Protein backbone atom coordinates (compact mmCIF):
# COMPACT_ATOMS: atom_id res chain seq x y z
CA THR A 1 0.00 0.00 0.00
CA GLY A 2 0.96 3.67 -0.06
CA THR A 3 2.19 5.89 -2.87
CA THR A 4 4.38 3.92 -5.28
CA PRO A 5 7.57 5.53 -6.64
CA PHE A 6 8.03 5.95 -10.37
CA ALA A 7 9.22 2.73 -12.03
CA ARG A 8 13.01 2.72 -12.26
CA GLY A 9 16.20 0.68 -12.46
CA SER A 10 19.87 1.08 -11.53
CA TYR A 11 19.04 2.55 -8.12
CA ALA A 12 21.18 2.23 -4.99
CA ALA A 13 19.97 -0.13 -2.26
CA SER A 14 21.27 -2.60 0.27
CA PRO A 15 19.65 -6.01 0.74
CA VAL A 16 20.20 -5.71 4.50
CA THR A 17 17.24 -4.08 6.24
CA ILE A 18 17.22 -1.93 9.36
CA ASP A 19 14.13 -1.27 11.45
CA ASN A 20 12.26 -3.59 9.05
CA ARG A 21 12.74 -1.18 6.17
CA TYR A 22 14.24 -1.64 2.72
CA LEU A 23 15.66 1.64 1.39
CA ALA A 24 16.26 2.66 -2.24
CA PHE A 25 17.82 5.84 -3.66
CA GLY A 26 17.81 7.38 -7.13
CA GLY A 27 17.80 5.43 -10.39
CA VAL A 28 16.61 6.01 -13.95
CA ASP A 29 13.29 5.43 -15.74
CA VAL A 30 12.57 4.26 -19.30
CA SER A 31 12.69 7.88 -20.54
CA ASN A 32 16.20 8.33 -19.09
CA ASN A 33 15.01 10.65 -16.33
CA LEU A 34 17.38 10.43 -13.35
CA TYR A 35 16.14 10.62 -9.76
CA ASN A 36 17.61 11.49 -6.39
CA ASP A 37 14.62 10.67 -4.20
CA THR A 38 14.67 8.11 -1.38
CA TRP A 39 12.00 5.49 -0.74
CA ALA A 40 11.41 2.90 1.93
CA ILE A 41 9.32 -0.24 1.99
CA ASN A 42 8.03 -0.96 5.48
CA LEU A 43 8.15 -4.76 5.50
CA VAL A 44 5.86 -5.12 8.51
CA VAL A 45 2.76 -3.47 7.03
CA PRO A 46 3.91 -3.58 4.06
CA THR A 47 3.74 0.02 2.87
CA TYR A 48 5.73 2.29 0.55
CA GLU A 49 7.02 5.37 2.36
CA SER A 50 8.46 8.46 0.72
CA VAL A 51 11.50 9.42 2.79
CA PRO A 52 11.90 13.15 3.52
CA ASP A 53 15.02 14.32 1.71
CA SER A 54 16.51 16.17 4.66
CA GLY A 55 20.13 17.20 4.87
CA LYS A 56 22.59 17.16 1.97
CA VAL A 57 20.92 14.94 -0.62
CA PRO A 58 23.15 13.33 -3.30
CA GLY A 59 22.62 14.48 -6.87
CA PRO A 60 20.67 12.32 -9.36
CA ARG A 61 22.63 9.28 -10.47
CA ILE A 62 22.55 5.63 -11.50
CA ALA A 63 24.73 2.58 -10.84
CA SER A 64 26.04 3.78 -7.49
CA MET A 65 26.97 1.33 -4.74
CA ALA A 66 25.34 1.14 -1.31
CA ILE A 67 25.67 -0.94 1.85
CA ASN A 68 23.96 -0.81 5.21
CA ASP A 69 26.50 -0.19 7.95
CA THR A 70 24.63 -1.95 10.74
CA ALA A 71 27.27 -1.07 13.34
CA GLN A 72 26.57 2.66 12.89
CA SER A 73 22.90 2.46 11.80
CA ARG A 74 23.31 4.07 8.41
CA MET A 75 23.32 3.40 4.69
CA VAL A 76 26.57 4.40 2.99
CA MET A 77 26.45 5.18 -0.73
CA PHE A 78 29.38 5.70 -3.09
CA GLY A 79 29.99 6.76 -6.68
CA GLY A 80 27.74 6.22 -9.68
CA GLN A 81 27.25 8.03 -12.97
CA THR A 82 24.71 10.11 -14.88
CA GLY A 83 24.74 8.14 -18.13
CA THR A 84 25.90 11.33 -19.90
CA GLY A 85 29.63 11.13 -19.23
CA VAL A 86 29.72 12.30 -15.61
CA PHE A 87 31.24 9.80 -13.17
CA TYR A 88 31.30 10.18 -9.39
CA ASN A 89 33.71 9.33 -6.56
CA ASP A 90 31.80 10.95 -3.71
CA SER A 91 30.42 9.24 -0.61
CA TYR A 92 27.25 9.88 1.41
CA GLN A 93 25.50 8.48 4.43
CA LEU A 94 21.82 8.17 5.27
CA ARG A 95 21.42 8.06 9.03
CA PHE A 96 18.57 5.88 10.27
CA GLY A 97 18.15 7.32 13.76
CA PRO A 98 16.99 5.18 16.68
CA VAL A 99 15.17 1.92 16.03
CA GLY A 100 11.44 2.50 16.05
CA ALA A 101 11.82 6.24 15.50
CA PRO A 102 13.86 6.71 12.34
CA ALA A 103 15.15 10.21 11.64
CA LEU A 104 16.49 9.82 8.11
CA THR A 105 19.09 12.45 7.19
CA TRP A 106 21.55 12.58 4.26
CA SER A 107 25.06 14.00 4.70
CA SER A 108 28.26 13.84 2.67
CA LEU A 109 31.25 11.91 4.00
CA ALA A 110 34.65 13.58 4.02
CA THR A 111 36.68 10.55 3.02
CA ILE A 112 40.48 10.61 2.94
CA GLY A 113 43.05 8.91 0.74
CA THR A 114 42.85 8.22 -2.98
CA THR A 115 39.20 7.83 -3.92
CA PRO A 116 38.35 5.74 -6.98
CA THR A 117 35.80 6.91 -9.53
CA ARG A 118 33.46 3.98 -9.91
CA PHE A 119 30.03 2.83 -11.07
CA GLY A 120 28.35 -0.56 -11.43
CA ALA A 121 30.80 -2.30 -9.09
CA GLY A 122 30.20 -5.18 -6.72
CA ASP A 123 29.62 -3.86 -3.21
CA VAL A 124 29.98 -5.73 0.08
CA TYR A 125 29.79 -4.80 3.76
CA ASP A 126 32.51 -6.51 5.80
CA PRO A 127 31.30 -6.34 9.43
CA VAL A 128 34.44 -7.92 10.88
CA ASN A 129 36.71 -5.12 9.66
CA GLU A 130 33.91 -2.51 9.52
CA ARG A 131 34.60 -1.62 5.90
CA PHE A 132 32.85 -1.07 2.57
CA LEU A 133 34.40 -3.21 -0.20
CA VAL A 134 34.07 -2.17 -3.85
CA LEU A 135 35.00 -4.81 -6.44
CA CYS A 136 35.52 -4.29 -10.18
CA GLY A 137 33.12 -1.90 -11.96
CA GLY A 138 33.55 0.93 -14.44
CA ILE A 139 35.79 3.99 -14.33
CA THR A 140 34.41 5.43 -17.57
CA LEU A 141 31.96 3.79 -19.98
CA THR A 142 34.93 1.61 -20.97
CA PRO A 143 37.22 0.22 -19.73
CA TYR A 144 36.05 -1.83 -16.77
CA THR A 145 38.36 -2.86 -13.95
CA ASN A 146 39.13 -5.86 -11.73
CA ASP A 147 40.57 -3.96 -8.77
CA VAL A 148 39.37 -4.00 -5.16
CA TRP A 149 38.97 -0.95 -2.92
CA SER A 150 38.18 -0.64 0.76
CA LEU A 151 36.56 2.22 2.68
CA ASN A 152 37.23 2.00 6.42
CA LEU A 153 33.88 3.01 7.88
CA THR A 154 35.44 4.25 11.12
CA THR A 155 38.32 6.37 9.78
CA LEU A 156 36.74 7.02 6.33
CA GLN A 157 40.07 6.09 4.74
CA TRP A 158 40.02 4.72 1.18
CA SER A 159 42.72 2.19 0.26
CA GLN A 160 43.29 -0.13 -2.68
CA LEU A 161 43.73 -3.80 -1.84
CA ALA A 162 46.14 -6.03 -3.76
CA PRO A 163 44.78 -9.60 -3.73
CA PHE A 164 47.06 -12.54 -4.51
CA GLY A 165 46.36 -15.34 -6.98
CA GLN A 166 44.92 -15.30 -10.47
CA GLN A 167 42.88 -12.13 -10.99
CA PRO A 168 39.35 -12.24 -12.42
CA PRO A 169 38.79 -10.54 -15.77
CA PRO A 170 37.62 -6.91 -15.57
CA ARG A 171 33.84 -6.47 -15.44
CA SER A 172 30.92 -4.30 -14.46
CA GLU A 173 27.71 -5.10 -12.54
CA PRO A 174 28.58 -8.54 -11.14
CA ALA A 175 26.75 -10.21 -8.25
CA CYS A 176 28.83 -10.06 -5.06
CA GLU A 177 27.89 -11.43 -1.66
CA TYR A 178 29.69 -11.59 1.69
CA ASP A 179 29.97 -15.15 3.04
CA SER A 180 29.94 -14.51 6.78
CA ILE A 181 30.62 -18.15 7.64
CA HIS A 182 33.93 -18.34 5.76
CA ARG A 183 34.83 -14.61 5.63
CA ARG A 184 34.99 -14.36 1.88
CA VAL A 185 33.32 -12.62 -1.05
CA ILE A 186 31.57 -14.65 -3.75
CA MET A 187 31.40 -12.97 -7.17
CA PHE A 188 29.43 -14.23 -10.18
CA GLY A 189 29.09 -12.94 -13.71
CA GLY A 190 29.01 -9.37 -14.93
CA LEU A 191 29.54 -7.51 -18.18
CA ALA A 192 32.94 -7.41 -19.92
CA ALA A 193 34.13 -4.38 -21.90
CA ASP A 194 33.46 -6.21 -25.20
CA ASN A 195 29.82 -6.78 -24.08
CA THR A 196 30.45 -10.44 -23.23
CA LYS A 197 28.08 -11.61 -20.49
CA LEU A 198 30.34 -13.45 -18.06
CA ASP A 199 29.36 -16.73 -16.36
CA ASP A 200 32.40 -17.30 -14.15
CA THR A 201 32.47 -17.50 -10.36
CA TRP A 202 35.27 -16.18 -8.14
CA VAL A 203 36.03 -16.25 -4.42
CA LEU A 204 38.00 -13.54 -2.64
CA ASP A 205 39.27 -14.87 0.71
CA LEU A 206 39.35 -11.87 3.05
CA VAL A 207 41.78 -13.53 5.47
CA SER A 208 44.52 -14.47 2.98
CA LEU A 209 43.36 -11.80 0.47
CA THR A 210 43.51 -14.31 -2.38
CA TRP A 211 41.35 -14.67 -5.50
CA THR A 212 40.39 -18.20 -6.60
CA GLN A 213 38.18 -19.21 -9.50
CA VAL A 214 35.49 -21.72 -8.52
CA ALA A 215 36.19 -25.19 -9.92
CA SER A 216 32.51 -25.76 -10.75
CA ASP A 217 32.94 -23.28 -13.62
CA THR A 218 34.06 -26.29 -15.67
CA LEU A 219 30.71 -28.03 -15.19
CA ALA A 220 28.12 -28.07 -17.94
CA PHE A 221 25.30 -26.86 -15.68
CA LYS A 222 25.66 -23.33 -14.35
CA PRO A 223 23.81 -20.04 -14.84
CA ALA A 224 24.06 -18.43 -18.25
CA GLY A 225 26.26 -15.36 -18.49
CA ARG A 226 24.50 -12.22 -17.28
CA PHE A 227 24.87 -8.91 -15.49
CA ARG A 228 22.73 -6.60 -13.35
CA MET A 229 21.08 -9.56 -11.62
CA ALA A 230 19.29 -9.71 -8.29
CA HIS A 231 21.29 -11.59 -5.66
CA ALA A 232 21.25 -12.43 -1.97
CA ASP A 233 23.14 -14.31 0.71
CA ASP A 234 21.35 -17.22 2.44
CA PRO A 235 23.56 -17.86 5.50
CA GLU A 236 21.23 -20.48 7.02
CA ARG A 237 21.80 -22.75 4.02
CA ASN A 238 25.35 -21.55 3.28
CA ARG A 239 24.56 -20.44 -0.27
CA MET A 240 24.28 -17.49 -2.63
CA LEU A 241 21.14 -16.91 -4.68
CA ILE A 242 20.83 -15.06 -7.99
CA SER A 243 17.76 -14.26 -10.05
CA CYS A 244 17.01 -12.64 -13.41
CA GLY A 245 19.55 -10.24 -14.94
CA ILE A 246 20.45 -9.23 -18.49
CA SER A 247 21.83 -11.92 -20.79
CA ASP A 248 21.28 -10.08 -24.08
CA PHE A 249 20.63 -6.51 -25.26
């Protein structure tokens, strides 16, 4: 129930909910109109809620990355692009306020260190080290990258990580999930710079900081190559789920 936001894609959201709310920011509609409004779905009722855009609201954008920093009760959003040649490397937070009485307020984050320009990257919240991990993604429309960056959510320091092992091919819009049981990131698929829809699976061990390609990639049965898919972690069954996505233009 409630007022429904305009239909859109490429918005920023985190699959982790706080105060039983799923939050979404920005995005683009079929007429290429960009948005910078914030919406919440109250999962108890359920009801759509238009979030007051108080504070310093980020500009309209698509393909930005967002995680919910549960330790500090906020959504942290980074980067994105306009689709017209403007690419961002700024960071924002949306404060939730106390549980049961949310006071949602946007503010910019004064990060330090070299800050990557990035859109369409894999994004993961690492609660053990309290950091925002950004994997692969685009710097400009092409090329794409295979690097890994970390934002320390306490010091707001950006740093580039240098994983060992064979590196995955560069890509944009892969599915990345944090495996809390084994302290690793699982990455599947994405879009290569030559428009190939990738169907490979990689594991980044956050203890040894080593990339490894999953051996099951040699099996005949696996998901078809795709990008921009829905994905989720299912810790109770120790698995990653993906759904839908784009396999052809």
